Amino acid sequence: PTIGNLVVPNAVAEAPPLAPLQVVTPVKSQPTTLENTGFGGDRPAPPYPKIAKEQAQQGTVRLQLKVNESGTITDIRVSESSGYPLLDRSTLEFVKRHWIVQPGTGSRSFESTIRYQLTN
């Protein structure tokens, strides 16, 4: 065994072959926006919680979702609260259980905004 650098003549040691440079994929700084598909489809709109409607609670909930290759939501969190824990919690639970995202390559990040607005 030798400690440190070892100098060897070029005739004895050959340089390793050069590997071609790989294309670098750009890093996404913002998650992709994902909207609901209305009252049906792969991403139905969450129902307005009855208690929240009775108490005239309205607002916008913004969610951050992480999805794996098969389209399964692996992580979900509220990134911007509506100001009402009931609306936030019910939206998060509904999306986690009922939304389907198209399969893709690798883990992906999405952002979705759900608005609750009372109509007269």
PDB file of N, CA and C in Angstrom:
ATOM      1  N   PRO A   1       0.833  -1.191   0.000  1.00  0.00           N
ATOM      2  CA  PRO A   1       0.000   0.000   0.000  1.00  0.00           C
ATOM      3  C   PRO A   1       0.872   1.247   0.000  1.00  0.00           C
ATOM      4  N   THR A   2       0.377   2.268  -0.676  1.00  0.00           N
ATOM      5  CA  THR A   2       1.084   3.532  -0.765  1.00  0.00           C
ATOM      6  C   THR A   2       0.204   4.632  -0.204  1.00  0.00           C
ATOM      7  N   ILE A   3       0.771   5.473   0.623  1.00  0.00           N
ATOM      8  CA  ILE A   3       0.040   6.600   1.165  1.00  0.00           C
ATOM      9  C   ILE A   3       0.392   7.814   0.339  1.00  0.00           C
ATOM     10  N   GLY A   4      -0.625   8.579  -0.092  1.00  0.00           N
ATOM     11  CA  GLY A   4      -0.366   9.771  -0.884  1.00  0.00           C
ATOM     12  C   GLY A   4      -0.459   9.491  -2.370  1.00  0.00           C
ATOM     13  N   ASN A   5       0.076  10.410  -3.178  1.00  0.00           N
ATOM     14  CA  ASN A   5       0.030  10.283  -4.633  1.00  0.00           C
ATOM     15  C   ASN A   5       1.090   9.328  -5.122  1.00  0.00           C
ATOM     16  N   LEU A   6       0.776   8.654  -6.172  1.00  0.00           N
ATOM     17  CA  LEU A   6       1.705   7.719  -6.783  1.00  0.00           C
ATOM     18  C   LEU A   6       1.885   8.131  -8.235  1.00  0.00           C
ATOM     19  N   VAL A   7       3.092   8.384  -8.655  1.00  0.00           N
ATOM     20  CA  VAL A   7       3.377   8.790 -10.029  1.00  0.00           C
ATOM     21  C   VAL A   7       3.719   7.542 -10.823  1.00  0.00           C
ATOM     22  N   VAL A   8       2.973   7.351 -11.930  1.00  0.00           N
ATOM     23  CA  VAL A   8       3.163   6.175 -12.774  1.00  0.00           C
ATOM     24  C   VAL A   8       3.366   6.665 -14.205  1.00  0.00           C
ATOM     25  N   PRO A   9       4.290   6.091 -14.939  1.00  0.00           N
ATOM     26  CA  PRO A   9       4.491   6.503 -16.325  1.00  0.00           C
ATOM     27  C   PRO A   9       3.239   6.238 -17.176  1.00  0.00           C
ATOM     28  N   ASN A  10       3.007   7.064 -18.220  1.00  0.00           N
ATOM     29  CA  ASN A  10       1.846   6.934 -19.096  1.00  0.00           C
ATOM     30  C   ASN A  10       1.765   5.566 -19.768  1.00  0.00           C
ATOM     31  N   ALA A  11       2.882   4.940 -20.018  1.00  0.00           N
ATOM     32  CA  ALA A  11       2.879   3.639 -20.681  1.00  0.00           C
ATOM     33  C   ALA A  11       2.247   2.577 -19.788  1.00  0.00           C
ATOM     34  N   VAL A  12       2.304   2.759 -18.476  1.00  0.00           N
ATOM     35  CA  VAL A  12       1.772   1.765 -17.547  1.00  0.00           C
ATOM     36  C   VAL A  12       0.303   2.057 -17.217  1.00  0.00           C
ATOM     37  N   ALA A  13      -0.045   3.307 -16.985  1.00  0.00           N
ATOM     38  CA  ALA A  13      -1.408   3.674 -16.579  1.00  0.00           C
ATOM     39  C   ALA A  13      -2.090   4.439 -17.698  1.00  0.00           C
ATOM     40  N   GLU A  14      -3.293   4.017 -18.039  1.00  0.00           N
ATOM     41  CA  GLU A  14      -4.066   4.705 -19.073  1.00  0.00           C
ATOM     42  C   GLU A  14      -5.140   5.562 -18.420  1.00  0.00           C
ATOM     43  N   ALA A  15      -5.463   6.660 -19.054  1.00  0.00           N
ATOM     44  CA  ALA A  15      -6.526   7.533 -18.544  1.00  0.00           C
ATOM     45  C   ALA A  15      -7.882   6.856 -18.762  1.00  0.00           C
ATOM     46  N   PRO A  16      -8.810   7.043 -17.864  1.00  0.00           N
ATOM     47  CA  PRO A  16     -10.137   6.447 -18.057  1.00  0.00           C
ATOM     48  C   PRO A  16     -10.825   7.067 -19.268  1.00  0.00           C
ATOM     49  N   PRO A  17     -11.698   6.323 -19.926  1.00  0.00           N
ATOM     50  CA  PRO A  17     -12.374   6.866 -21.106  1.00  0.00           C
ATOM     51  C   PRO A  17     -13.268   8.038 -20.705  1.00  0.00           C
ATOM     52  N   LEU A  18     -13.387   9.009 -21.605  1.00  0.00           N
ATOM     53  CA  LEU A  18     -14.229  10.165 -21.344  1.00  0.00           C
ATOM     54  C   LEU A  18     -15.698   9.792 -21.546  1.00  0.00           C
ATOM     55  N   ALA A  19     -16.507  10.145 -20.593  1.00  0.00           N
ATOM     56  CA  ALA A  19     -17.946   9.909 -20.724  1.00  0.00           C
ATOM     57  C   ALA A  19     -18.576  11.166 -21.311  1.00  0.00           C
ATOM     58  N   PRO A  20     -19.518  11.001 -22.244  1.00  0.00           N
ATOM     59  CA  PRO A  20     -20.154  12.196 -22.800  1.00  0.00           C
ATOM     60  C   PRO A  20     -20.953  12.920 -21.709  1.00  0.00           C
ATOM     61  N   LEU A  21     -21.014  14.247 -21.818  1.00  0.00           N
ATOM     62  CA  LEU A  21     -21.761  15.024 -20.833  1.00  0.00           C
ATOM     63  C   LEU A  21     -23.258  14.750 -20.974  1.00  0.00           C
ATOM     64  N   GLN A  22     -23.916  14.649 -19.844  1.00  0.00           N
ATOM     65  CA  GLN A  22     -25.358  14.404 -19.832  1.00  0.00           C
ATOM     66  C   GLN A  22     -26.087  15.742 -19.820  1.00  0.00           C
ATOM     67  N   VAL A  23     -27.244  15.767 -20.457  1.00  0.00           N
ATOM     68  CA  VAL A  23     -28.048  16.980 -20.486  1.00  0.00           C
ATOM     69  C   VAL A  23     -28.637  17.190 -19.095  1.00  0.00           C
ATOM     70  N   VAL A  24     -28.508  18.402 -18.593  1.00  0.00           N
ATOM     71  CA  VAL A  24     -29.021  18.733 -17.268  1.00  0.00           C
ATOM     72  C   VAL A  24     -30.444  19.242 -17.426  1.00  0.00           C
ATOM     73  N   THR A  25     -31.370  18.643 -16.668  1.00  0.00           N
ATOM     74  CA  THR A  25     -32.751  19.108 -16.711  1.00  0.00           C
ATOM     75  C   THR A  25     -32.905  20.278 -15.755  1.00  0.00           C
ATOM     76  N   PRO A  26     -33.599  21.321 -16.187  1.00  0.00           N
ATOM     77  CA  PRO A  26     -33.750  22.484 -15.318  1.00  0.00           C
ATOM     78  C   PRO A  26     -34.594  22.144 -14.088  1.00  0.00           C
ATOM     79  N   VAL A  27     -34.255  22.771 -12.981  1.00  0.00           N
ATOM     80  CA  VAL A  27     -34.990  22.559 -11.743  1.00  0.00           C
ATOM     81  C   VAL A  27     -36.181  23.505 -11.732  1.00  0.00           C
ATOM     82  N   LYS A  28     -37.356  22.945 -11.444  1.00  0.00           N
ATOM     83  CA  LYS A  28     -38.545  23.780 -11.375  1.00  0.00           C
ATOM     84  C   LYS A  28     -38.576  24.475 -10.023  1.00  0.00           C
ATOM     85  N   SER A  29     -38.697  25.788 -10.056  1.00  0.00           N
ATOM     86  CA  SER A  29     -38.740  26.523  -8.802  1.00  0.00           C
ATOM     87  C   SER A  29     -40.161  26.628  -8.272  1.00  0.00           C
ATOM     88  N   GLN A  30     -41.141  26.555  -9.155  1.00  0.00           N
ATOM     89  CA  GLN A  30     -42.532  26.660  -8.747  1.00  0.00           C
ATOM     90  C   GLN A  30     -43.250  25.348  -9.049  1.00  0.00           C
ATOM     91  N   PRO A  31     -44.154  24.922  -8.148  1.00  0.00           N
ATOM     92  CA  PRO A  31     -44.933  23.726  -8.449  1.00  0.00           C
ATOM     93  C   PRO A  31     -45.934  24.007  -9.571  1.00  0.00           C
ATOM     94  N   THR A  32     -46.325  22.976 -10.269  1.00  0.00           N
ATOM     95  CA  THR A  32     -47.303  23.086 -11.335  1.00  0.00           C
ATOM     96  C   THR A  32     -48.682  23.324 -10.716  1.00  0.00           C
ATOM     97  N   THR A  33     -49.477  24.209 -11.341  1.00  0.00           N
ATOM     98  CA  THR A  33     -50.822  24.478 -10.845  1.00  0.00           C
ATOM     99  C   THR A  33     -51.746  23.360 -11.296  1.00  0.00           C
ATOM    100  N   LEU A  34     -52.547  22.881 -10.374  1.00  0.00           N
ATOM    101  CA  LEU A  34     -53.482  21.797 -10.629  1.00  0.00           C
ATOM    102  C   LEU A  34     -54.863  22.279 -10.211  1.00  0.00           C
ATOM    103  N   GLU A  35     -55.803  22.303 -11.139  1.00  0.00           N
ATOM    104  CA  GLU A  35     -57.158  22.766 -10.838  1.00  0.00           C
ATOM    105  C   GLU A  35     -58.103  21.587 -10.685  1.00  0.00           C
ATOM    106  N   ASN A  36     -59.246  21.836 -10.063  1.00  0.00           N
ATOM    107  CA  ASN A  36     -60.235  20.769  -9.962  1.00  0.00           C
ATOM    108  C   ASN A  36     -60.974  20.651 -11.292  1.00  0.00           C
ATOM    109  N   THR A  37     -61.653  19.529 -11.487  1.00  0.00           N
ATOM    110  CA  THR A  37     -62.360  19.273 -12.746  1.00  0.00           C
ATOM    111  C   THR A  37     -63.862  19.462 -12.584  1.00  0.00           C
ATOM    112  N   GLY A  38     -64.268  20.278 -11.631  1.00  0.00           N
ATOM    113  CA  GLY A  38     -65.699  20.539 -11.440  1.00  0.00           C
ATOM    114  C   GLY A  38     -66.339  19.501 -10.542  1.00  0.00           C
ATOM    115  N   PHE A  39     -67.556  19.110 -10.910  1.00  0.00           N
ATOM    116  CA  PHE A  39     -68.304  18.177 -10.059  1.00  0.00           C
ATOM    117  C   PHE A  39     -68.050  16.720 -10.397  1.00  0.00           C
ATOM    118  N   GLY A  40     -67.200  16.437 -11.351  1.00  0.00           N
ATOM    119  CA  GLY A  40     -66.880  15.061 -11.710  1.00  0.00           C
ATOM    120  C   GLY A  40     -65.435  14.973 -12.154  1.00  0.00           C
ATOM    121  N   GLY A  41     -65.118  13.918 -12.877  1.00  0.00           N
ATOM    122  CA  GLY A  41     -63.767  13.762 -13.415  1.00  0.00           C
ATOM    123  C   GLY A  41     -62.777  13.268 -12.379  1.00  0.00           C
ATOM    124  N   ASP A  42     -61.502  13.462 -12.685  1.00  0.00           N
ATOM    125  CA  ASP A  42     -60.419  12.967 -11.837  1.00  0.00           C
ATOM    126  C   ASP A  42     -60.212  13.783 -10.570  1.00  0.00           C
ATOM    127  N   ARG A  43     -60.601  15.052 -10.598  1.00  0.00           N
ATOM    128  CA  ARG A  43     -60.381  15.927  -9.446  1.00  0.00           C
ATOM    129  C   ARG A  43     -61.657  16.719  -9.149  1.00  0.00           C
ATOM    130  N   PRO A  44     -62.660  16.058  -8.557  1.00  0.00           N
ATOM    131  CA  PRO A  44     -63.916  16.758  -8.284  1.00  0.00           C
ATOM    132  C   PRO A  44     -63.743  17.876  -7.265  1.00  0.00           C
ATOM    133  N   ALA A  45     -64.580  18.899  -7.383  1.00  0.00           N
ATOM    134  CA  ALA A  45     -64.547  20.012  -6.437  1.00  0.00           C
ATOM    135  C   ALA A  45     -65.036  19.520  -5.076  1.00  0.00           C
ATOM    136  N   PRO A  46     -64.343  19.889  -4.018  1.00  0.00           N
ATOM    137  CA  PRO A  46     -64.789  19.473  -2.682  1.00  0.00           C
ATOM    138  C   PRO A  46     -66.146  20.093  -2.351  1.00  0.00           C
ATOM    139  N   PRO A  47     -67.011  19.355  -1.660  1.00  0.00           N
ATOM    140  CA  PRO A  47     -68.295  19.920  -1.273  1.00  0.00           C
ATOM    141  C   PRO A  47     -68.103  20.986  -0.191  1.00  0.00           C
ATOM    142  N   TYR A  48     -69.002  21.927  -0.166  1.00  0.00           N
ATOM    143  CA  TYR A  48     -68.963  22.982   0.855  1.00  0.00           C
ATOM    144  C   TYR A  48     -69.422  22.346   2.163  1.00  0.00           C
ATOM    145  N   PRO A  49     -68.598  22.349   3.208  1.00  0.00           N
ATOM    146  CA  PRO A  49     -69.026  21.732   4.465  1.00  0.00           C
ATOM    147  C   PRO A  49     -70.297  22.410   5.003  1.00  0.00           C
ATOM    148  N   LYS A  50     -71.273  21.603   5.379  1.00  0.00           N
ATOM    149  CA  LYS A  50     -72.577  22.117   5.810  1.00  0.00           C
ATOM    150  C   LYS A  50     -72.441  23.093   6.983  1.00  0.00           C
ATOM    151  N   ILE A  51     -71.643  22.739   7.988  1.00  0.00           N
ATOM    152  CA  ILE A  51     -71.475  23.601   9.166  1.00  0.00           C
ATOM    153  C   ILE A  51     -70.823  24.922   8.766  1.00  0.00           C
ATOM    154  N   ALA A  52     -69.833  24.874   7.878  1.00  0.00           N
ATOM    155  CA  ALA A  52     -69.164  26.102   7.422  1.00  0.00           C
ATOM    156  C   ALA A  52     -70.152  26.995   6.676  1.00  0.00           C
ATOM    157  N   LYS A  53     -71.025  26.390   5.878  1.00  0.00           N
ATOM    158  CA  LYS A  53     -72.018  27.167   5.144  1.00  0.00           C
ATOM    159  C   LYS A  53     -73.013  27.821   6.102  1.00  0.00           C
ATOM    160  N   GLU A  54     -73.439  27.062   7.116  1.00  0.00           N
ATOM    161  CA  GLU A  54     -74.387  27.591   8.108  1.00  0.00           C
ATOM    162  C   GLU A  54     -73.784  28.752   8.899  1.00  0.00           C
ATOM    163  N   GLN A  55     -72.470  28.700   9.121  1.00  0.00           N
ATOM    164  CA  GLN A  55     -71.794  29.752   9.885  1.00  0.00           C
ATOM    165  C   GLN A  55     -71.223  30.848   8.977  1.00  0.00           C
ATOM    166  N   ALA A  56     -71.603  30.826   7.708  1.00  0.00           N
ATOM    167  CA  ALA A  56     -71.177  31.816   6.710  1.00  0.00           C
ATOM    168  C   ALA A  56     -69.656  31.923   6.599  1.00  0.00           C
ATOM    169  N   GLN A  57     -68.963  30.787   6.724  1.00  0.00           N
ATOM    170  CA  GLN A  57     -67.514  30.769   6.554  1.00  0.00           C
ATOM    171  C   GLN A  57     -67.208  30.657   5.066  1.00  0.00           C
ATOM    172  N   GLN A  58     -66.356  31.533   4.568  1.00  0.00           N
ATOM    173  CA  GLN A  58     -65.920  31.451   3.181  1.00  0.00           C
ATOM    174  C   GLN A  58     -64.465  31.884   3.087  1.00  0.00           C
ATOM    175  N   GLY A  59     -63.797  31.397   2.073  1.00  0.00           N
ATOM    176  CA  GLY A  59     -62.383  31.726   1.915  1.00  0.00           C
ATOM    177  C   GLY A  59     -61.728  30.860   0.863  1.00  0.00           C
ATOM    178  N   THR A  60     -60.418  30.996   0.752  1.00  0.00           N
ATOM    179  CA  THR A  60     -59.630  30.270  -0.233  1.00  0.00           C
ATOM    180  C   THR A  60     -58.585  29.436   0.485  1.00  0.00           C
ATOM    181  N   VAL A  61     -58.510  28.161   0.111  1.00  0.00           N
ATOM    182  CA  VAL A  61     -57.527  27.235   0.677  1.00  0.00           C
ATOM    183  C   VAL A  61     -56.528  26.896  -0.429  1.00  0.00           C
ATOM    184  N   ARG A  62     -55.242  27.078  -0.160  1.00  0.00           N
ATOM    185  CA  ARG A  62     -54.206  26.707  -1.123  1.00  0.00           C
ATOM    186  C   ARG A  62     -53.481  25.480  -0.591  1.00  0.00           C
ATOM    187  N   LEU A  63     -53.381  24.457  -1.436  1.00  0.00           N
ATOM    188  CA  LEU A  63     -52.763  23.186  -1.049  1.00  0.00           C
ATOM    189  C   LEU A  63     -51.474  22.954  -1.821  1.00  0.00           C
ATOM    190  N   GLN A  64     -50.512  22.309  -1.175  1.00  0.00           N
ATOM    191  CA  GLN A  64     -49.285  21.818  -1.809  1.00  0.00           C
ATOM    192  C   GLN A  64     -49.386  20.300  -1.833  1.00  0.00           C
ATOM    193  N   LEU A  65     -49.231  19.695  -3.004  1.00  0.00           N
ATOM    194  CA  LEU A  65     -49.341  18.249  -3.150  1.00  0.00           C
ATOM    195  C   LEU A  65     -48.054  17.686  -3.728  1.00  0.00           C
ATOM    196  N   LYS A  66     -47.645  16.530  -3.250  1.00  0.00           N
ATOM    197  CA  LYS A  66     -46.537  15.776  -3.843  1.00  0.00           C
ATOM    198  C   LYS A  66     -47.157  14.478  -4.362  1.00  0.00           C
ATOM    199  N   VAL A  67     -46.805  14.127  -5.603  1.00  0.00           N
ATOM    200  CA  VAL A  67     -47.392  12.980  -6.277  1.00  0.00           C
ATOM    201  C   VAL A  67     -46.273  12.080  -6.779  1.00  0.00           C
ATOM    202  N   ASN A  68     -46.432  10.755  -6.621  1.00  0.00           N
ATOM    203  CA  ASN A  68     -45.402   9.837  -7.109  1.00  0.00           C
ATOM    204  C   ASN A  68     -45.648   9.476  -8.573  1.00  0.00           C
ATOM    205  N   GLU A  69     -44.827   8.575  -9.121  1.00  0.00           N
ATOM    206  CA  GLU A  69     -44.891   8.199 -10.539  1.00  0.00           C
ATOM    207  C   GLU A  69     -46.245   7.652 -10.952  1.00  0.00           C
ATOM    208  N   SER A  70     -46.921   6.940 -10.042  1.00  0.00           N
ATOM    209  CA  SER A  70     -48.198   6.318 -10.397  1.00  0.00           C
ATOM    210  C   SER A  70     -49.372   7.278 -10.277  1.00  0.00           C
ATOM    211  N   GLY A  71     -49.130   8.515  -9.821  1.00  0.00           N
ATOM    212  CA  GLY A  71     -50.205   9.494  -9.704  1.00  0.00           C
ATOM    213  C   GLY A  71     -50.850   9.518  -8.332  1.00  0.00           C
ATOM    214  N   THR A  72     -50.287   8.788  -7.372  1.00  0.00           N
ATOM    215  CA  THR A  72     -50.816   8.760  -6.016  1.00  0.00           C
ATOM    216  C   THR A  72     -50.285   9.944  -5.222  1.00  0.00           C
ATOM    217  N   ILE A  73     -51.173  10.623  -4.495  1.00  0.00           N
ATOM    218  CA  ILE A  73     -50.752  11.733  -3.655  1.00  0.00           C
ATOM    219  C   ILE A  73     -50.025  11.159  -2.447  1.00  0.00           C
ATOM    220  N   THR A  74     -48.744  11.509  -2.295  1.00  0.00           N
ATOM    221  CA  THR A  74     -47.945  10.973  -1.198  1.00  0.00           C
ATOM    222  C   THR A  74     -47.830  11.951  -0.036  1.00  0.00           C
ATOM    223  N   ASP A  75     -48.018  13.241  -0.307  1.00  0.00           N
ATOM    224  CA  ASP A  75     -47.934  14.241   0.745  1.00  0.00           C
ATOM    225  C   ASP A  75     -48.827  15.405   0.357  1.00  0.00           C
ATOM    226  N   ILE A  76     -49.560  15.918   1.328  1.00  0.00           N
ATOM    227  CA  ILE A  76     -50.441  17.056   1.074  1.00  0.00           C
ATOM    228  C   ILE A  76     -50.465  17.930   2.312  1.00  0.00           C
ATOM    229  N   ARG A  77     -50.440  19.252   2.089  1.00  0.00           N
ATOM    230  CA  ARG A  77     -50.500  20.172   3.228  1.00  0.00           C
ATOM    231  C   ARG A  77     -51.151  21.472   2.784  1.00  0.00           C
ATOM    232  N   VAL A  78     -51.670  22.197   3.757  1.00  0.00           N
ATOM    233  CA  VAL A  78     -52.264  23.506   3.499  1.00  0.00           C
ATOM    234  C   VAL A  78     -51.130  24.526   3.502  1.00  0.00           C
ATOM    235  N   SER A  79     -50.926  25.212   2.379  1.00  0.00           N
ATOM    236  CA  SER A  79     -49.871  26.217   2.307  1.00  0.00           C
ATOM    237  C   SER A  79     -50.409  27.615   2.595  1.00  0.00           C
ATOM    238  N   GLU A  80     -51.698  27.807   2.380  1.00  0.00           N
ATOM    239  CA  GLU A  80     -52.328  29.089   2.702  1.00  0.00           C
ATOM    240  C   GLU A  80     -53.732  28.791   3.222  1.00  0.00           C
ATOM    241  N   SER A  81     -53.989  29.184   4.453  1.00  0.00           N
ATOM    242  CA  SER A  81     -55.247  28.882   5.123  1.00  0.00           C
ATOM    243  C   SER A  81     -56.359  29.826   4.681  1.00  0.00           C
ATOM    244  N   SER A  82     -57.583  29.328   4.762  1.00  0.00           N
ATOM    245  CA  SER A  82     -58.759  30.151   4.489  1.00  0.00           C
ATOM    246  C   SER A  82     -59.087  31.031   5.693  1.00  0.00           C
ATOM    247  N   GLY A  83     -58.470  30.707   6.822  1.00  0.00           N
ATOM    248  CA  GLY A  83     -58.787  31.404   8.065  1.00  0.00           C
ATOM    249  C   GLY A  83     -59.780  30.624   8.910  1.00  0.00           C
ATOM    250  N   TYR A  84     -60.289  29.514   8.354  1.00  0.00           N
ATOM    251  CA  TYR A  84     -61.249  28.672   9.054  1.00  0.00           C
ATOM    252  C   TYR A  84     -60.734  27.231   9.053  1.00  0.00           C
ATOM    253  N   PRO A  85     -60.373  26.702  10.223  1.00  0.00           N
ATOM    254  CA  PRO A  85     -59.837  25.335  10.294  1.00  0.00           C
ATOM    255  C   PRO A  85     -60.771  24.280   9.685  1.00  0.00           C
ATOM    256  N   LEU A  86     -62.078  24.466   9.812  1.00  0.00           N
ATOM    257  CA  LEU A  86     -63.029  23.498   9.254  1.00  0.00           C
ATOM    258  C   LEU A  86     -62.909  23.435   7.732  1.00  0.00           C
ATOM    259  N   LEU A  87     -62.846  24.573   7.061  1.00  0.00           N
ATOM    260  CA  LEU A  87     -62.685  24.581   5.605  1.00  0.00           C
ATOM    261  C   LEU A  87     -61.346  23.976   5.195  1.00  0.00           C
ATOM    262  N   ASP A  88     -60.281  24.343   5.905  1.00  0.00           N
ATOM    263  CA  ASP A  88     -58.946  23.816   5.584  1.00  0.00           C
ATOM    264  C   ASP A  88     -58.902  22.298   5.728  1.00  0.00           C
ATOM    265  N   ARG A  89     -59.360  21.810   6.859  1.00  0.00           N
ATOM    266  CA  ARG A  89     -59.292  20.372   7.149  1.00  0.00           C
ATOM    267  C   ARG A  89     -60.161  19.560   6.188  1.00  0.00           C
ATOM    268  N   SER A  90     -61.389  20.018   5.940  1.00  0.00           N
ATOM    269  CA  SER A  90     -62.275  19.252   5.057  1.00  0.00           C
ATOM    270  C   SER A  90     -61.754  19.246   3.622  1.00  0.00           C
ATOM    271  N   THR A  91     -61.163  20.346   3.181  1.00  0.00           N
ATOM    272  CA  THR A  91     -60.584  20.397   1.833  1.00  0.00           C
ATOM    273  C   THR A  91     -59.418  19.424   1.714  1.00  0.00           C
ATOM    274  N   LEU A  92     -58.525  19.452   2.685  1.00  0.00           N
ATOM    275  CA  LEU A  92     -57.360  18.573   2.672  1.00  0.00           C
ATOM    276  C   LEU A  92     -57.782  17.104   2.652  1.00  0.00           C
ATOM    277  N   GLU A  93     -58.722  16.733   3.503  1.00  0.00           N
ATOM    278  CA  GLU A  93     -59.169  15.333   3.570  1.00  0.00           C
ATOM    279  C   GLU A  93     -59.867  14.903   2.280  1.00  0.00           C
ATOM    280  N   PHE A  94     -60.700  15.774   1.712  1.00  0.00           N
ATOM    281  CA  PHE A  94     -61.407  15.424   0.484  1.00  0.00           C
ATOM    282  C   PHE A  94     -60.432  15.203  -0.666  1.00  0.00           C
ATOM    283  N   VAL A  95     -59.493  16.141  -0.843  1.00  0.00           N
ATOM    284  CA  VAL A  95     -58.525  16.028  -1.939  1.00  0.00           C
ATOM    285  C   VAL A  95     -57.672  14.775  -1.774  1.00  0.00           C
ATOM    286  N   LYS A  96     -57.238  14.510  -0.555  1.00  0.00           N
ATOM    287  CA  LYS A  96     -56.402  13.333  -0.289  1.00  0.00           C
ATOM    288  C   LYS A  96     -57.124  12.033  -0.673  1.00  0.00           C
ATOM    289  N   ARG A  97     -58.424  11.975  -0.444  1.00  0.00           N
ATOM    290  CA  ARG A  97     -59.178  10.736  -0.672  1.00  0.00           C
ATOM    291  C   ARG A  97     -59.776  10.608  -2.061  1.00  0.00           C
ATOM    292  N   HIS A  98     -60.049  11.729  -2.737  1.00  0.00           N
ATOM    293  CA  HIS A  98     -60.836  11.657  -3.964  1.00  0.00           C
ATOM    294  C   HIS A  98     -60.138  12.104  -5.239  1.00  0.00           C
ATOM    295  N   TRP A  99     -59.001  12.757  -5.140  1.00  0.00           N
ATOM    296  CA  TRP A  99     -58.360  13.251  -6.358  1.00  0.00           C
ATOM    297  C   TRP A  99     -57.431  12.208  -6.946  1.00  0.00           C
ATOM    298  N   ILE A 100     -57.396  12.179  -8.276  1.00  0.00           N
ATOM    299  CA  ILE A 100     -56.496  11.312  -9.026  1.00  0.00           C
ATOM    300  C   ILE A 100     -55.665  12.208  -9.941  1.00  0.00           C
ATOM    301  N   VAL A 101     -54.361  11.992  -9.955  1.00  0.00           N
ATOM    302  CA  VAL A 101     -53.454  12.762 -10.815  1.00  0.00           C
ATOM    303  C   VAL A 101     -52.889  11.797 -11.845  1.00  0.00           C
ATOM    304  N   GLN A 102     -52.761  12.257 -13.083  1.00  0.00           N
ATOM    305  CA  GLN A 102     -52.235  11.410 -14.152  1.00  0.00           C
ATOM    306  C   GLN A 102     -50.836  10.918 -13.804  1.00  0.00           C
ATOM    307  N   PRO A 103     -50.531   9.643 -14.079  1.00  0.00           N
ATOM    308  CA  PRO A 103     -49.176   9.132 -13.835  1.00  0.00           C
ATOM    309  C   PRO A 103     -48.148   9.908 -14.668  1.00  0.00           C
ATOM    310  N   GLY A 104     -46.944   9.988 -14.166  1.00  0.00           N
ATOM    311  CA  GLY A 104     -45.872  10.694 -14.868  1.00  0.00           C
ATOM    312  C   GLY A 104     -44.534  10.110 -14.485  1.00  0.00           C
ATOM    313  N   THR A 105     -43.478  10.832 -14.790  1.00  0.00           N
ATOM    314  CA  THR A 105     -42.139  10.350 -14.467  1.00  0.00           C
ATOM    315  C   THR A 105     -41.644  11.028 -13.199  1.00  0.00           C
ATOM    316  N   GLY A 106     -41.257  10.250 -12.244  1.00  0.00           N
ATOM    317  CA  GLY A 106     -40.685  10.769 -10.998  1.00  0.00           C
ATOM    318  C   GLY A 106     -41.708  11.430 -10.098  1.00  0.00           C
ATOM    319  N   SER A 107     -41.217  11.911  -8.992  1.00  0.00           N
ATOM    320  CA  SER A 107     -42.047  12.609  -8.018  1.00  0.00           C
ATOM    321  C   SER A 107     -42.293  14.033  -8.525  1.00  0.00           C
ATOM    322  N   ARG A 108     -43.532  14.500  -8.395  1.00  0.00           N
ATOM    323  CA  ARG A 108     -43.877  15.824  -8.895  1.00  0.00           C
ATOM    324  C   ARG A 108     -44.569  16.635  -7.806  1.00  0.00           C
ATOM    325  N   SER A 109     -44.470  17.961  -7.902  1.00  0.00           N
ATOM    326  CA  SER A 109     -45.115  18.862  -6.956  1.00  0.00           C
ATOM    327  C   SER A 109     -46.194  19.662  -7.668  1.00  0.00           C
ATOM    328  N   PHE A 110     -47.322  19.828  -6.984  1.00  0.00           N
ATOM    329  CA  PHE A 110     -48.431  20.597  -7.529  1.00  0.00           C
ATOM    330  C   PHE A 110     -48.948  21.562  -6.478  1.00  0.00           C
ATOM    331  N   GLU A 111     -49.619  22.589  -6.949  1.00  0.00           N
ATOM    332  CA  GLU A 111     -50.284  23.539  -6.071  1.00  0.00           C
ATOM    333  C   GLU A 111     -51.713  23.670  -6.583  1.00  0.00           C
ATOM    334  N   SER A 112     -52.666  23.677  -5.657  1.00  0.00           N
ATOM    335  CA  SER A 112     -54.060  23.805  -6.051  1.00  0.00           C
ATOM    336  C   SER A 112     -54.754  24.798  -5.137  1.00  0.00           C
ATOM    337  N   THR A 113     -55.665  25.564  -5.702  1.00  0.00           N
ATOM    338  CA  THR A 113     -56.419  26.552  -4.951  1.00  0.00           C
ATOM    339  C   THR A 113     -57.898  26.200  -5.006  1.00  0.00           C
ATOM    340  N   ILE A 114     -58.523  26.100  -3.852  1.00  0.00           N
ATOM    341  CA  ILE A 114     -59.953  25.805  -3.743  1.00  0.00           C
ATOM    342  C   ILE A 114     -60.621  27.017  -3.111  1.00  0.00           C
ATOM    343  N   ARG A 115     -61.650  27.555  -3.767  1.00  0.00           N
ATOM    344  CA  ARG A 115     -62.368  28.725  -3.252  1.00  0.00           C
ATOM    345  C   ARG A 115     -63.748  28.321  -2.758  1.00  0.00           C
ATOM    346  N   TYR A 116     -64.077  28.772  -1.578  1.00  0.00           N
ATOM    347  CA  TYR A 116     -65.415  28.592  -1.014  1.00  0.00           C
ATOM    348  C   TYR A 116     -66.059  29.967  -0.943  1.00  0.00           C
ATOM    349  N   GLN A 117     -67.145  30.130  -1.681  1.00  0.00           N
ATOM    350  CA  GLN A 117     -67.815  31.415  -1.699  1.00  0.00           C
ATOM    351  C   GLN A 117     -69.321  31.186  -1.635  1.00  0.00           C
ATOM    352  N   LEU A 118     -69.951  31.850  -0.689  1.00  0.00           N
ATOM    353  CA  LEU A 118     -71.392  31.729  -0.538  1.00  0.00           C
ATOM    354  C   LEU A 118     -72.108  32.519  -1.622  1.00  0.00           C
ATOM    355  N   THR A 119     -73.165  31.929  -2.136  1.00  0.00           N
ATOM    356  CA  THR A 119     -73.994  32.623  -3.131  1.00  0.00           C
ATOM    357  C   THR A 119     -75.369  32.844  -2.528  1.00  0.00           C
ATOM    358  N   ASN A 120     -75.978  33.953  -2.855  1.00  0.00           N
ATOM    359  CA  ASN A 120     -77.316  34.268  -2.320  1.00  0.00           C
ATOM    360  C   ASN A 120     -78.392  33.839  -3.288  1.00  0.00           C
TER     361      ASN A 120
END
